[in-house]
């Protein structure tokens, strides 16, 4: 069976025992990915299937061991042994979602053509809190391609697209399906 980022995130969650430990490991893993981003050759080294796992583990130990929790270090060793370091960024996303769900939190992204004022933001967050029955962590972005309206994404899944761009896209898809 081929394991996915979601499988590894679930295994990580199970091994952590509690949400606080999981959050700590996620923070450690995010710090590792920052090193990868700062020096792409480091990421290339760890995702390479040509470089021996033993050599990758040695570098992991020599470079990162003092900065990582024992739990994080063991998890990264597992990824190296399974040759799955390329999944690290996606594992973090899935692990974050697991921790959020456990903590009763929803991450909400709201994209609009123009900046949304504070009063409207508060109203949106109040409505979402009531509907989802979870604490809301909202981020707001202005995107020129939205044209008008807004797009609501909850926990990484677009739940509602009330933008003109979205309406045009759906209309285009209907016309294309009707003429096919």
Protein backbone atom coordinates (compact mmCIF):
# COMPACT_ATOMS: atom_id res chain seq x y z
CA UNK A 1 0.00 0.00 0.00
CA UNK A 2 1.29 3.45 -0.90
CA UNK A 3 0.98 5.87 1.99
CA UNK A 4 -0.20 9.41 1.36
CA UNK A 5 0.48 12.63 3.24
CA UNK A 6 -2.86 12.15 4.98
CA UNK A 7 -1.82 8.67 6.21
CA UNK A 8 1.44 10.03 7.59
CA UNK A 9 -0.38 12.93 9.27
CA UNK A 10 -2.82 10.49 10.91
CA UNK A 11 0.07 8.30 12.09
CA UNK A 12 1.84 11.39 13.43
CA UNK A 13 -1.30 12.43 15.30
CA UNK A 14 -1.64 8.96 16.81
CA UNK A 15 1.99 8.93 17.93
CA UNK A 16 1.79 12.37 19.58
CA UNK A 17 -0.75 11.42 22.22
CA UNK A 18 -2.26 14.88 22.60
CA UNK A 19 -2.96 18.05 20.61
CA UNK A 20 -0.25 20.08 22.37
CA UNK A 21 2.46 17.61 21.38
CA UNK A 22 1.08 17.51 17.85
CA UNK A 23 1.21 21.32 17.63
CA UNK A 24 4.81 21.26 18.86
CA UNK A 25 5.80 18.68 16.24
CA UNK A 26 3.99 20.64 13.51
CA UNK A 27 5.98 23.74 14.52
CA UNK A 28 9.23 21.74 14.38
CA UNK A 29 8.33 20.36 10.95
CA UNK A 30 7.44 23.84 9.71
CA UNK A 31 10.89 25.02 10.85
CA UNK A 32 12.46 22.20 8.84
CA UNK A 33 10.51 23.24 5.74
CA UNK A 34 11.74 26.83 6.28
CA UNK A 35 15.29 25.46 6.04
CA UNK A 36 14.26 23.67 2.87
CA UNK A 37 12.85 26.90 1.43
CA UNK A 38 15.93 28.91 2.43
CA UNK A 39 18.23 26.44 0.71
CA UNK A 40 16.53 24.30 -1.96
CA UNK A 41 19.60 22.07 -2.14
CA UNK A 42 18.83 20.89 1.43
CA UNK A 43 15.32 19.87 0.37
CA UNK A 44 16.71 18.22 -2.78
CA UNK A 45 19.13 16.22 -0.61
CA UNK A 46 16.37 14.87 1.63
CA UNK A 47 13.86 14.09 -1.15
CA UNK A 48 16.48 12.41 -3.33
CA UNK A 49 15.98 8.69 -3.85
CA UNK A 50 19.56 8.37 -5.07
CA UNK A 51 21.22 9.41 -1.81
CA UNK A 52 21.40 6.59 0.72
CA UNK A 53 18.93 6.80 3.60
CA UNK A 54 21.81 6.31 6.05
CA UNK A 55 23.53 9.40 4.68
CA UNK A 56 20.29 11.41 4.92
CA UNK A 57 19.79 10.25 8.52
CA UNK A 58 23.35 11.27 9.39
CA UNK A 59 22.79 14.80 8.05
CA UNK A 60 19.43 14.96 9.82
CA UNK A 61 21.15 14.01 13.08
CA UNK A 62 24.14 16.33 12.58
CA UNK A 63 22.17 19.39 11.43
CA UNK A 64 18.72 19.19 13.01
CA UNK A 65 18.90 16.90 16.08
CA UNK A 66 19.59 19.70 18.60
CA UNK A 67 16.71 21.81 17.27
CA UNK A 68 13.99 19.16 17.10
CA UNK A 69 11.97 17.32 19.68
CA UNK A 70 12.61 13.59 19.94
CA UNK A 71 9.14 13.01 18.49
CA UNK A 72 9.86 15.19 15.43
CA UNK A 73 13.26 13.63 14.90
CA UNK A 74 11.78 10.11 15.00
CA UNK A 75 9.05 11.11 12.54
CA UNK A 76 11.57 12.58 10.10
CA UNK A 77 13.67 9.41 10.36
CA UNK A 78 10.54 7.45 9.40
CA UNK A 79 9.98 9.69 6.37
CA UNK A 80 13.60 9.19 5.33
CA UNK A 81 13.35 5.40 5.77
CA UNK A 82 10.20 5.34 3.63
CA UNK A 83 11.70 7.81 1.13
CA UNK A 84 8.76 10.18 1.66
CA UNK A 85 10.39 13.51 2.63
CA UNK A 86 8.81 15.07 -0.47
CA UNK A 87 5.44 14.76 1.32
CA UNK A 88 6.53 16.89 4.28
CA UNK A 89 4.71 20.11 3.33
CA UNK A 90 1.46 18.24 2.63
CA UNK A 91 1.80 16.22 5.83
CA UNK A 92 1.98 19.47 7.78
CA UNK A 93 -1.22 20.72 6.11
CA UNK A 94 -3.09 17.52 7.00
CA UNK A 95 -1.67 17.42 10.55
CA UNK A 96 -2.72 21.05 11.03
CA UNK A 97 -6.26 20.15 9.96
CA UNK A 98 -6.35 17.23 12.39
CA UNK A 99 -5.19 19.45 15.24
CA UNK A 100 -7.69 22.16 14.28
CA UNK A 101 -10.54 19.67 14.24
CA UNK A 102 -9.52 18.32 17.62
CA UNK A 103 -9.30 21.83 19.06
CA UNK A 104 -12.66 22.84 17.56
CA UNK A 105 -11.14 25.37 15.18
CA UNK A 106 -12.01 26.16 11.57
CA UNK A 107 -9.53 27.96 9.32
CA UNK A 108 -11.46 30.22 7.00
CA UNK A 109 -10.09 32.14 4.05
CA UNK A 110 -12.19 34.93 2.56
CA UNK A 111 -11.15 36.39 -0.79
CA UNK A 112 -12.79 39.51 -2.15
CA UNK A 113 -12.16 42.10 -4.86
CA UNK A 114 -12.03 44.91 -2.28
CA UNK A 115 -10.99 45.05 1.35
CA UNK A 116 -13.74 43.99 3.77
CA UNK A 117 -14.31 46.41 6.65
CA UNK A 118 -13.96 45.46 10.30
CA UNK A 119 -17.72 45.50 11.03
CA UNK A 120 -18.44 43.17 8.10
CA UNK A 121 -15.56 40.90 9.11
CA UNK A 122 -16.99 40.63 12.63
CA UNK A 123 -20.43 39.81 11.24
CA UNK A 124 -19.03 37.14 8.87
CA UNK A 125 -17.05 35.53 11.70
CA UNK A 126 -20.05 35.59 14.06
CA UNK A 127 -22.26 33.90 11.46
CA UNK A 128 -19.58 31.29 10.69
CA UNK A 129 -19.04 30.56 14.39
CA UNK A 130 -22.78 29.98 14.81
CA UNK A 131 -23.09 27.83 11.67
CA UNK A 132 -19.95 25.74 12.17
CA UNK A 133 -20.05 25.58 15.98
CA UNK A 134 -16.28 26.04 16.00
CA UNK A 135 -13.81 28.81 16.75
CA UNK A 136 -12.94 30.69 13.57
CA UNK A 137 -9.43 31.65 12.46
CA UNK A 138 -10.13 33.92 9.52
CA UNK A 139 -7.77 35.36 6.95
CA UNK A 140 -8.86 37.95 4.42
CA UNK A 141 -7.27 38.59 1.04
CA UNK A 142 -8.09 40.95 -1.77
CA UNK A 143 -7.78 39.33 -5.17
CA UNK A 144 -8.28 41.24 -8.40
CA UNK A 145 -9.57 38.14 -10.26
CA UNK A 146 -12.55 37.91 -7.89
CA UNK A 147 -14.16 40.91 -9.71
CA UNK A 148 -17.01 41.28 -7.17
CA UNK A 149 -18.46 39.27 -4.28
CA UNK A 150 -16.35 36.91 -2.21
CA UNK A 151 -15.09 33.33 -2.04
CA UNK A 152 -15.21 31.39 1.23
CA UNK A 153 -12.82 28.50 1.87
CA UNK A 154 -13.14 26.47 5.06
CA UNK A 155 -10.37 24.11 6.13
CA UNK A 156 -8.84 24.21 2.66
CA UNK A 157 -12.05 23.40 0.77
CA UNK A 158 -13.93 26.04 -1.20
CA UNK A 159 -17.38 25.98 0.35
CA UNK A 160 -19.00 28.94 -1.33
CA UNK A 161 -18.05 31.03 -4.33
CA UNK A 162 -20.23 34.12 -4.65
CA UNK A 163 -17.84 35.95 -6.94
CA UNK A 164 -18.66 37.22 -10.42
CA UNK A 165 -15.62 35.27 -11.63
CA UNK A 166 -17.09 32.09 -10.09
CA UNK A 167 -20.48 32.73 -11.66
CA UNK A 168 -18.85 33.26 -15.07
CA UNK A 169 -16.84 30.06 -14.64
CA UNK A 170 -19.98 28.05 -13.75
CA UNK A 171 -21.88 29.58 -16.71
CA UNK A 172 -19.02 28.70 -19.03
CA UNK A 173 -19.03 25.11 -17.75
CA UNK A 174 -22.80 24.82 -18.31
CA UNK A 175 -22.55 26.19 -21.84
CA UNK A 176 -19.66 23.86 -22.61
CA UNK A 177 -21.59 20.85 -21.25
CA UNK A 178 -24.70 21.82 -23.25
CA UNK A 179 -22.77 22.08 -26.52
CA UNK A 180 -20.67 18.94 -26.04
